């Protein structure tokens, strides 16, 4: 049970990190192209 919880936390953490870095890249790209 605890292993499943840890895996879920890792999955959501990785997804949040990817989403955040993608958002930062999009913002950086829009600033560069302006």
PDB file of N, CA and C in Angstrom:
ATOM      1  N   UNK A   1       0.833  -1.200   0.000  1.00  0.00           N
ATOM      2  CA  UNK A   1       0.000   0.000   0.000  1.00  0.00           C
ATOM      3  C   UNK A   1       0.873   1.258   0.000  1.00  0.00           C
ATOM      4  N   UNK A   2       1.862   1.304   0.880  1.00  0.00           N
ATOM      5  CA  UNK A   2       2.716   2.497   0.950  1.00  0.00           C
ATOM      6  C   UNK A   2       3.516   2.683  -0.340  1.00  0.00           C
ATOM      7  N   UNK A   3       3.883   1.561  -0.968  1.00  0.00           N
ATOM      8  CA  UNK A   3       4.647   1.659  -2.220  1.00  0.00           C
ATOM      9  C   UNK A   3       3.791   2.317  -3.293  1.00  0.00           C
ATOM     10  N   UNK A   4       2.506   1.953  -3.356  1.00  0.00           N
ATOM     11  CA  UNK A   4       1.616   2.568  -4.344  1.00  0.00           C
ATOM     12  C   UNK A   4       1.492   4.068  -4.107  1.00  0.00           C
ATOM     13  N   UNK A   5       1.384   4.465  -2.853  1.00  0.00           N
ATOM     14  CA  UNK A   5       1.268   5.890  -2.525  1.00  0.00           C
ATOM     15  C   UNK A   5       2.531   6.623  -2.972  1.00  0.00           C
ATOM     16  N   UNK A   6       3.694   6.028  -2.694  1.00  0.00           N
ATOM     17  CA  UNK A   6       4.967   6.662  -3.087  1.00  0.00           C
ATOM     18  C   UNK A   6       5.045   6.787  -4.601  1.00  0.00           C
ATOM     19  N   UNK A   7       4.633   5.733  -5.313  1.00  0.00           N
ATOM     20  CA  UNK A   7       4.663   5.780  -6.775  1.00  0.00           C
ATOM     21  C   UNK A   7       3.740   6.874  -7.300  1.00  0.00           C
ATOM     22  N   UNK A   8       2.557   7.005  -6.705  1.00  0.00           N
ATOM     23  CA  UNK A   8       1.613   8.046  -7.129  1.00  0.00           C
ATOM     24  C   UNK A   8       2.206   9.432  -6.894  1.00  0.00           C
ATOM     25  N   UNK A   9       2.849   9.617  -5.733  1.00  0.00           N
ATOM     26  CA  UNK A   9       3.463  10.920  -5.434  1.00  0.00           C
ATOM     27  C   UNK A   9       4.571  11.214  -6.442  1.00  0.00           C
ATOM     28  N   UNK A  10       5.378  10.213  -6.759  1.00  0.00           N
ATOM     29  CA  UNK A  10       6.459  10.415  -7.732  1.00  0.00           C
ATOM     30  C   UNK A  10       5.885  10.749  -9.095  1.00  0.00           C
ATOM     31  N   UNK A  11       4.837  10.042  -9.507  1.00  0.00           N
ATOM     32  CA  UNK A  11       4.219  10.303 -10.820  1.00  0.00           C
ATOM     33  C   UNK A  11       3.695  11.722 -10.895  1.00  0.00           C
ATOM     34  N   UNK A  12       2.924  12.139  -9.877  1.00  0.00           N
ATOM     35  CA  UNK A  12       2.352  13.483  -9.898  1.00  0.00           C
ATOM     36  C   UNK A  12       3.449  14.534  -9.813  1.00  0.00           C
ATOM     37  N   UNK A  13       4.492  14.258  -9.036  1.00  0.00           N
ATOM     38  CA  UNK A  13       5.595  15.210  -8.920  1.00  0.00           C
ATOM     39  C   UNK A  13       6.304  15.381 -10.262  1.00  0.00           C
ATOM     40  N   UNK A  14       6.538  14.260 -10.963  1.00  0.00           N
ATOM     41  CA  UNK A  14       7.200  14.324 -12.268  1.00  0.00           C
ATOM     42  C   UNK A  14       6.307  15.064 -13.265  1.00  0.00           C
ATOM     43  N   UNK A  15       5.012  14.773 -13.259  1.00  0.00           N
ATOM     44  CA  UNK A  15       4.097  15.450 -14.181  1.00  0.00           C
ATOM     45  C   UNK A  15       4.064  16.944 -13.897  1.00  0.00           C
ATOM     46  N   UNK A  16       4.002  17.318 -12.615  1.00  0.00           N
ATOM     47  CA  UNK A  16       3.982  18.742 -12.258  1.00  0.00           C
ATOM     48  C   UNK A  16       5.280  19.409 -12.703  1.00  0.00           C
ATOM     49  N   UNK A  17       6.413  18.715 -12.516  1.00  0.00           N
ATOM     50  CA  UNK A  17       7.709  19.278 -12.897  1.00  0.00           C
ATOM     51  C   UNK A  17       7.772  19.477 -14.409  1.00  0.00           C
ATOM     52  N   UNK A  18       7.296  18.471 -15.181  1.00  0.00           N
ATOM     53  CA  UNK A  18       7.298  18.595 -16.642  1.00  0.00           C
ATOM     54  C   UNK A  18       6.387  19.734 -17.079  1.00  0.00           C
ATOM     55  N   UNK A  19       5.220  19.840 -16.469  1.00  0.00           N
ATOM     56  CA  UNK A  19       4.278  20.901 -16.821  1.00  0.00           C
ATOM     57  C   UNK A  19       4.870  22.273 -16.500  1.00  0.00           C
ATOM     58  N   UNK A  20       5.532  22.388 -15.337  1.00  0.00           N
ATOM     59  CA  UNK A  20       6.123  23.665 -14.935  1.00  0.00           C
ATOM     60  C   UNK A  20       7.251  24.052 -15.900  1.00  0.00           C
ATOM     61  N   UNK A  21       8.133  23.097 -16.234  1.00  0.00           N
ATOM     62  CA  UNK A  21       9.239  23.417 -17.142  1.00  0.00           C
ATOM     63  C   UNK A  21       8.710  23.754 -18.531  1.00  0.00           C
ATOM     64  N   UNK A  22       7.640  23.082 -18.965  1.00  0.00           N
ATOM     65  CA  UNK A  22       7.038  23.388 -20.269  1.00  0.00           C
ATOM     66  C   UNK A  22       6.468  24.801 -20.240  1.00  0.00           C
ATOM     67  N   UNK A  23       5.820  25.170 -19.140  1.00  0.00           N
ATOM     68  CA  UNK A  23       5.242  26.508 -19.002  1.00  0.00           C
ATOM     69  C   UNK A  23       6.354  27.564 -19.032  1.00  0.00           C
ATOM     70  N   UNK A  24       7.476  27.275 -18.347  1.00  0.00           N
ATOM     71  CA  UNK A  24       8.593  28.220 -18.341  1.00  0.00           C
ATOM     72  C   UNK A  24       9.185  28.352 -19.734  1.00  0.00           C
ATOM     73  N   UNK A  25       9.304  27.239 -20.468  1.00  0.00           N
ATOM     74  CA  UNK A  25       9.841  27.289 -21.830  1.00  0.00           C
ATOM     75  C   UNK A  25       8.925  28.093 -22.735  1.00  0.00           C
ATOM     76  N   UNK A  26       7.621  27.911 -22.589  1.00  0.00           N
ATOM     77  CA  UNK A  26       6.663  28.669 -23.405  1.00  0.00           C
ATOM     78  C   UNK A  26       6.803  30.159 -23.121  1.00  0.00           C
ATOM     79  N   UNK A  27       6.912  30.531 -21.852  1.00  0.00           N
ATOM     80  CA  UNK A  27       7.063  31.939 -21.494  1.00  0.00           C
ATOM     81  C   UNK A  27       8.370  32.508 -22.039  1.00  0.00           C
ATOM     82  N   UNK A  28       9.447  31.742 -21.931  1.00  0.00           N
ATOM     83  CA  UNK A  28      10.745  32.188 -22.439  1.00  0.00           C
ATOM     84  C   UNK A  28      10.690  32.365 -23.950  1.00  0.00           C
ATOM     85  N   UNK A  29      10.050  31.431 -24.639  1.00  0.00           N
ATOM     86  CA  UNK A  29       9.939  31.500 -26.101  1.00  0.00           C
ATOM     87  C   UNK A  29       9.144  32.736 -26.514  1.00  0.00           C
ATOM     88  N   UNK A  30       8.038  33.004 -25.819  1.00  0.00           N
ATOM     89  CA  UNK A  30       7.213  34.171 -26.169  1.00  0.00           C
ATOM     90  C   UNK A  30       7.991  35.462 -25.915  1.00  0.00           C
ATOM     91  N   UNK A  31       8.813  35.484 -24.869  1.00  0.00           N
ATOM     92  CA  UNK A  31       9.610  36.685 -24.599  1.00  0.00           C
ATOM     93  C   UNK A  31      10.668  36.880 -25.688  1.00  0.00           C
ATOM     94  N   UNK A  32      11.259  35.787 -26.154  1.00  0.00           N
ATOM     95  CA  UNK A  32      12.312  35.881 -27.174  1.00  0.00           C
ATOM     96  C   UNK A  32      11.727  36.324 -28.520  1.00  0.00           C
ATOM     97  N   UNK A  33      10.558  35.794 -28.859  1.00  0.00           N
ATOM     98  CA  UNK A  33       9.994  36.096 -30.180  1.00  0.00           C
ATOM     99  C   UNK A  33       9.384  37.501 -30.230  1.00  0.00           C
ATOM    100  N   UNK A  34       9.187  38.143 -29.075  1.00  0.00           N
ATOM    101  CA  UNK A  34       8.556  39.462 -29.088  1.00  0.00           C
ATOM    102  C   UNK A  34       9.450  40.486 -29.733  1.00  0.00           C
TER     103      UNK A  34
END
